[in-house]
Amino acid sequence: MQSSNRRPERGGAREQMKTGSGHSMPIQLSLRLRALSTADQQGARFHRESDRRRLRAMLAGVAVAGALVALVLGLVGLRMQQVRLSYRLDALRSVKAQAEEMNRRLRVEKASLQSLARIEVEARTRFGMVAPTQQQVQLAREFVAGGSASPAAVERTAAAASDSREGTR
């Protein structure tokens, strides 16, 4: 019976607090709480210590979560760097292949330009040059057997030298 008596009182106190009607009474009395004693104050201090422990545990949890987030972000960053470098490597490989192809083409062109047959044809067609006759070819002493020049070659060399001296005067 007492519990049925208390319910209307609580409801009435709640209604008074909600509506603000009636006289104001301390919250402890409206909730039917008693004043804090020294034992309760000591218990409250103990409760504060557990809050500090909870705070430390929460801070440790936040620190661990932060470390995990930093680790995951670091791994994602490394993966992005790896992808970026692989794209750059592919681009450099294609540039290298193009350079090697150009080098190969230039070597072929160089070889064709240095060809003696091509040079001879070019000299005949472009500059009107003709092949030398037998009398125009003179061999140097080093290329004659025995190291000495033939008397005919010596005569031709002397005649060519005298003709060139007369032409320059």
N, C-alpha and C. Protein backbone atom coordinates (compact mmCIF):
# COMPACT_ATOMS: atom_id res chain seq x y z
N MET A 1 0.79 -1.19 0.00
CA MET A 1 0.00 0.00 0.00
C MET A 1 0.83 1.25 0.00
N GLN A 2 1.96 1.12 0.61
CA GLN A 2 2.81 2.30 0.66
C GLN A 2 3.34 2.64 -0.73
N SER A 3 3.62 1.63 -1.52
CA SER A 3 4.14 1.90 -2.85
C SER A 3 3.10 2.61 -3.69
N SER A 4 1.83 2.28 -3.52
CA SER A 4 0.79 2.97 -4.27
C SER A 4 0.65 4.41 -3.81
N ASN A 5 0.94 4.62 -2.54
CA ASN A 5 0.89 5.98 -2.02
C ASN A 5 2.05 6.80 -2.57
N ARG A 6 3.18 6.18 -2.77
CA ARG A 6 4.36 6.92 -3.21
C ARG A 6 4.27 7.31 -4.68
N ARG A 7 3.69 6.50 -5.47
CA ARG A 7 3.64 6.80 -6.89
C ARG A 7 2.94 8.13 -7.18
N PRO A 8 1.80 8.38 -6.61
CA PRO A 8 1.19 9.68 -6.89
C PRO A 8 2.05 10.83 -6.42
N GLU A 9 2.76 10.63 -5.30
CA GLU A 9 3.61 11.71 -4.82
C GLU A 9 4.73 11.97 -5.82
N ARG A 10 5.33 10.91 -6.31
CA ARG A 10 6.42 11.08 -7.27
C ARG A 10 5.90 11.75 -8.53
N GLY A 11 4.81 11.26 -8.99
CA GLY A 11 4.23 11.84 -10.20
C GLY A 11 3.89 13.30 -9.99
N GLY A 12 3.38 13.63 -8.81
CA GLY A 12 3.05 15.02 -8.52
C GLY A 12 4.30 15.87 -8.47
N ALA A 13 5.38 15.33 -7.88
CA ALA A 13 6.64 16.09 -7.82
C ALA A 13 7.20 16.28 -9.22
N ARG A 14 7.06 15.26 -10.02
CA ARG A 14 7.55 15.35 -11.39
C ARG A 14 6.75 16.39 -12.18
N GLU A 15 5.44 16.36 -11.95
CA GLU A 15 4.59 17.32 -12.64
C GLU A 15 4.92 18.73 -12.21
N GLN A 16 5.18 18.89 -10.93
CA GLN A 16 5.53 20.22 -10.43
C GLN A 16 6.85 20.67 -11.03
N MET A 17 7.82 19.75 -11.15
CA MET A 17 9.13 20.12 -11.71
C MET A 17 8.99 20.44 -13.19
N LYS A 18 8.17 19.68 -13.92
CA LYS A 18 7.99 19.91 -15.34
C LYS A 18 7.29 21.23 -15.60
N THR A 19 6.21 21.44 -14.90
CA THR A 19 5.40 22.63 -15.16
C THR A 19 5.94 23.84 -14.44
N GLY A 20 6.71 23.60 -13.41
CA GLY A 20 7.25 24.72 -12.64
C GLY A 20 6.25 25.30 -11.68
N SER A 21 5.14 24.64 -11.49
CA SER A 21 4.13 25.16 -10.56
C SER A 21 4.49 24.76 -9.14
N GLY A 22 4.01 25.45 -8.21
CA GLY A 22 4.25 25.13 -6.82
C GLY A 22 5.49 25.81 -6.32
N HIS A 23 5.85 25.54 -5.12
CA HIS A 23 7.03 26.18 -4.56
C HIS A 23 8.25 25.35 -4.91
N SER A 24 9.39 25.99 -5.02
CA SER A 24 10.61 25.26 -5.41
C SER A 24 11.19 24.59 -4.19
N MET A 25 11.57 23.39 -4.35
CA MET A 25 12.21 22.66 -3.26
C MET A 25 13.54 22.13 -3.78
N PRO A 26 14.47 21.90 -2.91
CA PRO A 26 15.76 21.38 -3.38
C PRO A 26 15.57 20.08 -4.13
N ILE A 27 16.45 19.89 -5.11
CA ILE A 27 16.33 18.71 -5.98
C ILE A 27 16.51 17.42 -5.20
N GLN A 28 17.35 17.47 -4.16
CA GLN A 28 17.55 16.26 -3.38
C GLN A 28 16.26 15.84 -2.68
N LEU A 29 15.50 16.83 -2.19
CA LEU A 29 14.26 16.50 -1.51
C LEU A 29 13.20 16.07 -2.50
N SER A 30 13.18 16.71 -3.69
CA SER A 30 12.17 16.34 -4.67
C SER A 30 12.40 14.92 -5.16
N LEU A 31 13.68 14.49 -5.20
CA LEU A 31 13.98 13.12 -5.60
C LEU A 31 14.08 12.20 -4.40
N ARG A 32 13.80 12.76 -3.24
CA ARG A 32 13.85 12.03 -1.97
C ARG A 32 15.23 11.45 -1.72
N LEU A 33 16.25 12.27 -1.97
CA LEU A 33 17.62 11.88 -1.66
C LEU A 33 18.02 12.53 -0.36
N ARG A 34 18.97 11.90 0.32
CA ARG A 34 19.43 12.49 1.58
C ARG A 34 20.70 13.27 1.32
N ALA A 35 21.05 14.11 2.21
CA ALA A 35 22.26 14.94 2.08
C ALA A 35 23.48 14.03 2.14
N LEU A 36 24.56 14.45 1.46
CA LEU A 36 25.78 13.65 1.41
C LEU A 36 26.48 13.67 2.76
N SER A 37 26.82 12.51 3.26
CA SER A 37 27.57 12.42 4.50
C SER A 37 29.04 12.30 4.17
N THR A 38 29.90 12.27 5.19
CA THR A 38 31.34 12.13 4.96
C THR A 38 31.66 10.80 4.32
N ALA A 39 30.92 9.76 4.65
CA ALA A 39 31.13 8.45 4.03
C ALA A 39 30.78 8.52 2.56
N ASP A 40 29.71 9.24 2.24
CA ASP A 40 29.33 9.40 0.85
C ASP A 40 30.38 10.21 0.09
N GLN A 41 30.94 11.20 0.74
CA GLN A 41 31.98 12.02 0.09
C GLN A 41 33.21 11.18 -0.20
N GLN A 42 33.57 10.29 0.73
CA GLN A 42 34.71 9.40 0.48
C GLN A 42 34.39 8.47 -0.68
N GLY A 43 33.18 8.00 -0.74
CA GLY A 43 32.76 7.15 -1.85
C GLY A 43 32.80 7.91 -3.16
N ALA A 44 32.43 9.18 -3.10
CA ALA A 44 32.48 10.01 -4.29
C ALA A 44 33.92 10.17 -4.76
N ARG A 45 34.85 10.32 -3.83
CA ARG A 45 36.26 10.41 -4.20
C ARG A 45 36.72 9.11 -4.86
N PHE A 46 36.28 8.00 -4.28
CA PHE A 46 36.63 6.71 -4.87
C PHE A 46 36.05 6.61 -6.29
N HIS A 47 34.86 7.12 -6.44
CA HIS A 47 34.23 7.11 -7.75
C HIS A 47 35.02 7.96 -8.73
N ARG A 48 35.60 9.06 -8.26
CA ARG A 48 36.41 9.91 -9.13
C ARG A 48 37.66 9.17 -9.59
N GLU A 49 38.25 8.36 -8.74
CA GLU A 49 39.42 7.59 -9.15
C GLU A 49 39.06 6.62 -10.26
N SER A 50 37.95 5.99 -10.16
CA SER A 50 37.56 5.07 -11.22
C SER A 50 37.30 5.84 -12.51
N ASP A 51 36.82 7.07 -12.39
CA ASP A 51 36.65 7.90 -13.57
C ASP A 51 38.01 8.19 -14.20
N ARG A 52 39.02 8.42 -13.38
CA ARG A 52 40.36 8.64 -13.91
C ARG A 52 40.87 7.39 -14.62
N ARG A 53 40.57 6.25 -14.04
CA ARG A 53 40.97 5.01 -14.69
C ARG A 53 40.25 4.85 -16.02
N ARG A 54 38.97 5.18 -16.03
CA ARG A 54 38.23 5.12 -17.27
C ARG A 54 38.77 6.12 -18.28
N LEU A 55 39.11 7.30 -17.76
CA LEU A 55 39.69 8.31 -18.65
C LEU A 55 41.00 7.81 -19.24
N ARG A 56 41.85 7.23 -18.41
CA ARG A 56 43.11 6.67 -18.91
C ARG A 56 42.86 5.55 -19.91
N ALA A 57 41.90 4.70 -19.61
CA ALA A 57 41.57 3.60 -20.53
C ALA A 57 41.03 4.16 -21.85
N MET A 58 40.20 5.19 -21.75
CA MET A 58 39.68 5.80 -22.97
C MET A 58 40.81 6.46 -23.77
N LEU A 59 41.69 7.15 -23.07
CA LEU A 59 42.82 7.78 -23.76
C LEU A 59 43.71 6.74 -24.41
N ALA A 60 43.93 5.63 -23.71
CA ALA A 60 44.73 4.55 -24.29
C ALA A 60 44.03 3.98 -25.52
N GLY A 61 42.73 3.81 -25.42
CA GLY A 61 41.96 3.31 -26.57
C GLY A 61 42.01 4.27 -27.74
N VAL A 62 41.89 5.56 -27.45
CA VAL A 62 41.98 6.57 -28.51
C VAL A 62 43.37 6.57 -29.12
N ALA A 63 44.40 6.44 -28.28
CA ALA A 63 45.78 6.41 -28.79
C ALA A 63 46.00 5.19 -29.68
N VAL A 64 45.50 4.04 -29.25
CA VAL A 64 45.64 2.82 -30.06
C VAL A 64 44.86 2.97 -31.36
N ALA A 65 43.66 3.50 -31.28
CA ALA A 65 42.86 3.71 -32.50
C ALA A 65 43.56 4.71 -33.42
N GLY A 66 44.13 5.77 -32.85
CA GLY A 66 44.87 6.74 -33.65
C GLY A 66 46.07 6.11 -34.32
N ALA A 67 46.78 5.26 -33.56
CA ALA A 67 47.94 4.57 -34.14
C ALA A 67 47.50 3.65 -35.28
N LEU A 68 46.39 2.94 -35.09
CA LEU A 68 45.89 2.06 -36.15
C LEU A 68 45.47 2.87 -37.39
N VAL A 69 44.81 3.99 -37.17
CA VAL A 69 44.40 4.83 -38.29
C VAL A 69 45.63 5.36 -39.02
N ALA A 70 46.64 5.81 -38.24
CA ALA A 70 47.87 6.30 -38.86
C ALA A 70 48.56 5.19 -39.65
N LEU A 71 48.56 3.99 -39.11
CA LEU A 71 49.17 2.85 -39.80
C LEU A 71 48.42 2.54 -41.11
N VAL A 72 47.12 2.52 -41.04
CA VAL A 72 46.33 2.24 -42.24
C VAL A 72 46.53 3.34 -43.28
N LEU A 73 46.52 4.59 -42.84
CA LEU A 73 46.74 5.70 -43.78
C LEU A 73 48.16 5.63 -44.36
N GLY A 74 49.12 5.25 -43.54
CA GLY A 74 50.48 5.09 -44.05
C GLY A 74 50.56 4.00 -45.11
N LEU A 75 49.90 2.88 -44.86
CA LEU A 75 49.90 1.79 -45.84
C LEU A 75 49.19 2.20 -47.12
N VAL A 76 48.09 2.93 -47.00
CA VAL A 76 47.39 3.42 -48.19
C VAL A 76 48.27 4.39 -48.96
N GLY A 77 48.97 5.27 -48.23
CA GLY A 77 49.88 6.20 -48.88
C GLY A 77 51.01 5.49 -49.60
N LEU A 78 51.56 4.46 -48.98
CA LEU A 78 52.62 3.68 -49.63
C LEU A 78 52.10 2.99 -50.88
N ARG A 79 50.90 2.47 -50.81
CA ARG A 79 50.32 1.80 -51.98
C ARG A 79 50.10 2.80 -53.11
N MET A 80 49.63 4.00 -52.77
CA MET A 80 49.44 5.03 -53.79
C MET A 80 50.77 5.42 -54.42
N GLN A 81 51.80 5.53 -53.59
CA GLN A 81 53.14 5.86 -54.12
C GLN A 81 53.63 4.74 -55.03
N GLN A 82 53.36 3.49 -54.66
CA GLN A 82 53.76 2.36 -55.49
C GLN A 82 53.05 2.40 -56.85
N VAL A 83 51.77 2.70 -56.84
CA VAL A 83 51.01 2.78 -58.09
C VAL A 83 51.55 3.93 -58.95
N ARG A 84 51.80 5.08 -58.32
CA ARG A 84 52.33 6.23 -59.05
C ARG A 84 53.69 5.90 -59.67
N LEU A 85 54.55 5.23 -58.91
CA LEU A 85 55.86 4.86 -59.44
C LEU A 85 55.76 3.81 -60.54
N SER A 86 54.78 2.91 -60.44
CA SER A 86 54.64 1.91 -61.50
C SER A 86 54.20 2.57 -62.80
N TYR A 87 53.31 3.57 -62.72
CA TYR A 87 52.92 4.31 -63.92
C TYR A 87 54.13 5.04 -64.51
N ARG A 88 54.93 5.64 -63.65
CA ARG A 88 56.12 6.36 -64.13
C ARG A 88 57.11 5.39 -64.76
N LEU A 89 57.27 4.21 -64.15
CA LEU A 89 58.16 3.19 -64.70
C LEU A 89 57.70 2.73 -66.07
N ASP A 90 56.40 2.54 -66.23
CA ASP A 90 55.86 2.15 -67.55
C ASP A 90 56.14 3.23 -68.58
N ALA A 91 55.96 4.49 -68.20
CA ALA A 91 56.23 5.60 -69.13
C ALA A 91 57.70 5.63 -69.50
N LEU A 92 58.59 5.43 -68.52
CA LEU A 92 60.03 5.44 -68.81
C LEU A 92 60.43 4.25 -69.68
N ARG A 93 59.79 3.12 -69.47
CA ARG A 93 60.08 1.96 -70.32
C ARG A 93 59.68 2.23 -71.77
N SER A 94 58.54 2.87 -71.97
CA SER A 94 58.13 3.18 -73.34
C SER A 94 59.08 4.21 -73.97
N VAL A 95 59.54 5.18 -73.20
CA VAL A 95 60.50 6.16 -73.72
C VAL A 95 61.81 5.46 -74.07
N LYS A 96 62.22 4.52 -73.24
CA LYS A 96 63.46 3.78 -73.50
C LYS A 96 63.32 2.97 -74.80
N ALA A 97 62.18 2.32 -74.97
CA ALA A 97 61.96 1.54 -76.19
C ALA A 97 61.98 2.44 -77.42
N GLN A 98 61.39 3.62 -77.33
CA GLN A 98 61.41 4.56 -78.45
C GLN A 98 62.84 5.02 -78.74
N ALA A 99 63.61 5.29 -77.69
CA ALA A 99 64.99 5.73 -77.88
C ALA A 99 65.83 4.62 -78.52
N GLU A 100 65.62 3.38 -78.08
CA GLU A 100 66.36 2.27 -78.69
C GLU A 100 66.00 2.08 -80.15
N GLU A 101 64.72 2.24 -80.48
CA GLU A 101 64.29 2.13 -81.88
C GLU A 101 64.92 3.25 -82.71
N MET A 102 64.94 4.46 -82.19
CA MET A 102 65.55 5.59 -82.90
C MET A 102 67.05 5.35 -83.07
N ASN A 103 67.70 4.82 -82.06
CA ASN A 103 69.13 4.52 -82.13
C ASN A 103 69.40 3.47 -83.21
N ARG A 104 68.54 2.45 -83.27
CA ARG A 104 68.70 1.41 -84.29
C ARG A 104 68.54 2.01 -85.69
N ARG A 105 67.52 2.86 -85.88
CA ARG A 105 67.31 3.49 -87.19
C ARG A 105 68.49 4.38 -87.57
N LEU A 106 69.01 5.12 -86.61
CA LEU A 106 70.15 6.00 -86.90
C LEU A 106 71.40 5.20 -87.25
N ARG A 107 71.61 4.06 -86.61
CA ARG A 107 72.76 3.21 -86.95
C ARG A 107 72.64 2.68 -88.38
N VAL A 108 71.43 2.26 -88.75
CA VAL A 108 71.21 1.78 -90.11
C VAL A 108 71.46 2.91 -91.11
N GLU A 109 70.96 4.09 -90.81
CA GLU A 109 71.16 5.23 -91.71
C GLU A 109 72.64 5.59 -91.81
N LYS A 110 73.35 5.55 -90.69
CA LYS A 110 74.79 5.84 -90.69
C LYS A 110 75.53 4.83 -91.56
N ALA A 111 75.19 3.56 -91.40
CA ALA A 111 75.86 2.52 -92.18
C ALA A 111 75.58 2.71 -93.67
N SER A 112 74.34 3.07 -94.01
CA SER A 112 74.03 3.27 -95.43
C SER A 112 74.74 4.51 -95.97
N LEU A 113 74.86 5.54 -95.16
CA LEU A 113 75.55 6.75 -95.61
C LEU A 113 77.06 6.55 -95.73
N GLN A 114 77.63 5.65 -94.95
CA GLN A 114 79.06 5.39 -95.02
C GLN A 114 79.41 4.35 -96.08
N SER A 115 78.45 3.78 -96.72
CA SER A 115 78.70 2.76 -97.74
C SER A 115 79.51 3.37 -98.88
N LEU A 116 80.63 2.71 -99.23
CA LEU A 116 81.50 3.23 -100.29
C LEU A 116 80.80 3.19 -101.65
N ALA A 117 79.99 2.20 -101.90
CA ALA A 117 79.26 2.11 -103.16
C ALA A 117 78.30 3.29 -103.30
N ARG A 118 77.61 3.63 -102.22
CA ARG A 118 76.69 4.77 -102.27
C ARG A 118 77.46 6.07 -102.48
N ILE A 119 78.60 6.22 -101.82
CA ILE A 119 79.41 7.43 -101.97
C ILE A 119 79.89 7.56 -103.42
N GLU A 120 80.31 6.44 -104.01
CA GLU A 120 80.78 6.48 -105.40
C GLU A 120 79.65 6.89 -106.35
N VAL A 121 78.47 6.30 -106.16
CA VAL A 121 77.33 6.64 -107.01
C VAL A 121 76.97 8.11 -106.83
N GLU A 122 76.98 8.57 -105.61
CA GLU A 122 76.65 9.97 -105.32
C GLU A 122 77.67 10.90 -105.98
N ALA A 123 78.95 10.55 -105.90
CA ALA A 123 80.00 11.39 -106.50
C ALA A 123 79.86 11.43 -108.02
N ARG A 124 79.51 10.33 -108.64
CA ARG A 124 79.37 10.30 -110.09
C ARG A 124 78.14 11.08 -110.54
N THR A 125 77.02 10.90 -109.86
CA THR A 125 75.79 11.55 -110.32
C THR A 125 75.71 13.02 -109.91
N ARG A 126 76.07 13.32 -108.72
CA ARG A 126 75.91 14.68 -108.21
C ARG A 126 77.02 15.62 -108.67
N PHE A 127 78.25 15.13 -108.59
CA PHE A 127 79.38 16.01 -108.88
C PHE A 127 80.03 15.74 -110.23
N GLY A 128 79.56 14.77 -110.96
CA GLY A 128 80.08 14.48 -112.29
C GLY A 128 81.48 13.87 -112.28
N MET A 129 81.86 13.24 -111.23
CA MET A 129 83.18 12.62 -111.14
C MET A 129 83.19 11.33 -111.96
N VAL A 130 84.42 10.95 -112.40
CA VAL A 130 84.58 9.72 -113.18
C VAL A 130 85.66 8.87 -112.51
N ALA A 131 85.69 7.62 -112.85
CA ALA A 131 86.70 6.72 -112.28
C ALA A 131 88.06 7.11 -112.84
N PRO A 132 89.13 7.03 -112.06
CA PRO A 132 90.47 7.41 -112.54
C PRO A 132 91.00 6.39 -113.55
N THR A 133 91.81 6.88 -114.47
CA THR A 133 92.46 5.98 -115.43
C THR A 133 93.68 5.37 -114.78
N GLN A 134 94.28 4.43 -115.49
CA GLN A 134 95.45 3.73 -114.95
C GLN A 134 96.63 4.69 -114.76
N GLN A 135 96.79 5.67 -115.64
CA GLN A 135 97.91 6.61 -115.52
C GLN A 135 97.69 7.61 -114.38
N GLN A 136 96.44 7.81 -113.97
CA GLN A 136 96.16 8.77 -112.90
C GLN A 136 96.40 8.18 -111.51
N VAL A 137 96.47 6.88 -111.40
CA VAL A 137 96.66 6.24 -110.10
C VAL A 137 98.15 6.10 -109.85
N GLN A 138 98.62 6.59 -108.73
CA GLN A 138 100.02 6.48 -108.35
C GLN A 138 100.09 5.80 -106.99
N LEU A 139 100.94 4.83 -106.88
CA LEU A 139 101.09 4.10 -105.64
C LEU A 139 102.25 4.70 -104.84
N ALA A 140 102.09 4.79 -103.59
CA ALA A 140 103.15 5.29 -102.72
C ALA A 140 104.18 4.21 -102.52
N ARG A 141 105.42 4.60 -102.14
CA ARG A 141 106.51 3.64 -101.97
C ARG A 141 106.16 2.56 -100.96
N GLU A 142 105.42 2.88 -99.97
CA GLU A 142 105.09 1.91 -98.93
C GLU A 142 104.26 0.75 -99.47
N PHE A 143 103.53 0.99 -100.54
CA PHE A 143 102.64 -0.03 -101.06
C PHE A 143 103.25 -0.83 -102.21
N VAL A 144 104.45 -0.49 -102.62
CA VAL A 144 105.11 -1.23 -103.69
C VAL A 144 105.95 -2.32 -103.05
N ALA A 145 105.99 -3.52 -103.65
CA ALA A 145 106.72 -4.65 -103.08
C ALA A 145 108.20 -4.30 -102.95
N GLY A 146 108.79 -4.65 -101.82
CA GLY A 146 110.21 -4.41 -101.57
C GLY A 146 110.47 -3.04 -100.97
N GLY A 147 109.47 -2.22 -100.90
CA GLY A 147 109.63 -0.92 -100.24
C GLY A 147 110.23 0.15 -101.13
N SER A 148 110.62 -0.19 -102.33
CA SER A 148 111.15 0.84 -103.22
C SER A 148 110.17 1.08 -104.35
N ALA A 149 110.07 2.29 -104.79
CA ALA A 149 109.11 2.62 -105.84
C ALA A 149 109.66 2.22 -107.19
N SER A 150 108.77 1.88 -108.10
CA SER A 150 109.19 1.54 -109.46
C SER A 150 109.66 2.81 -110.17
N PRO A 151 110.55 2.69 -111.15
CA PRO A 151 111.05 3.90 -111.84
C PRO A 151 109.93 4.65 -112.54
N ALA A 152 108.91 3.96 -113.04
CA ALA A 152 107.81 4.65 -113.72
C ALA A 152 107.00 5.47 -112.72
N ALA A 153 106.80 4.92 -111.55
CA ALA A 153 106.05 5.63 -110.53
C ALA A 153 106.81 6.85 -110.06
N VAL A 154 108.14 6.73 -109.97
CA VAL A 154 108.95 7.88 -109.55
C VAL A 154 108.84 8.99 -110.57
N GLU A 155 108.89 8.60 -111.89
CA GLU A 155 108.79 9.61 -112.96
C GLU A 155 107.42 10.31 -112.92
N ARG A 156 106.38 9.53 -112.73
CA ARG A 156 105.04 10.12 -112.69
C ARG A 156 104.88 11.04 -111.47
N THR A 157 105.44 10.65 -110.35
CA THR A 157 105.34 11.47 -109.15
C THR A 157 106.08 12.78 -109.35
N ALA A 158 107.26 12.71 -109.95
CA ALA A 158 108.04 13.92 -110.21
C ALA A 158 107.31 14.82 -111.19
N ALA A 159 106.72 14.22 -112.24
CA ALA A 159 105.99 15.03 -113.24
C ALA A 159 104.78 15.69 -112.61
N ALA A 160 104.07 14.98 -111.74
CA ALA A 160 102.89 15.55 -111.08
C ALA A 160 103.30 16.66 -110.15
N ALA A 161 104.42 16.50 -109.49
CA ALA A 161 104.88 17.53 -108.57
C ALA A 161 105.30 18.78 -109.34
N SER A 162 105.98 18.61 -110.47
CA SER A 162 106.40 19.78 -111.27
C SER A 162 105.21 20.48 -111.89
N ASP A 163 104.20 19.70 -112.31
CA ASP A 163 102.99 20.31 -112.89
C ASP A 163 102.25 21.12 -111.84
N SER A 164 102.21 20.60 -110.64
CA SER A 164 101.50 21.32 -109.58
C SER A 164 102.25 22.58 -109.20
N ARG A 165 103.59 22.56 -109.28
CA ARG A 165 104.37 23.78 -108.96
C ARG A 165 104.15 24.83 -110.03
N GLU A 166 104.09 24.42 -111.28
CA GLU A 166 103.89 25.38 -112.37
C GLU A 166 102.48 25.96 -112.32
N GLY A 167 101.52 25.16 -111.92
CA GLY A 167 100.14 25.61 -111.86
C GLY A 167 99.92 26.62 -110.74
N THR A 168 100.71 26.54 -109.68
CA THR A 168 100.53 27.45 -108.56
C THR A 168 101.24 28.77 -108.78
N ARG A 169 102.22 28.81 -109.75
CA ARG A 169 102.97 30.05 -109.99
C ARG A 169 102.27 31.01 -110.83
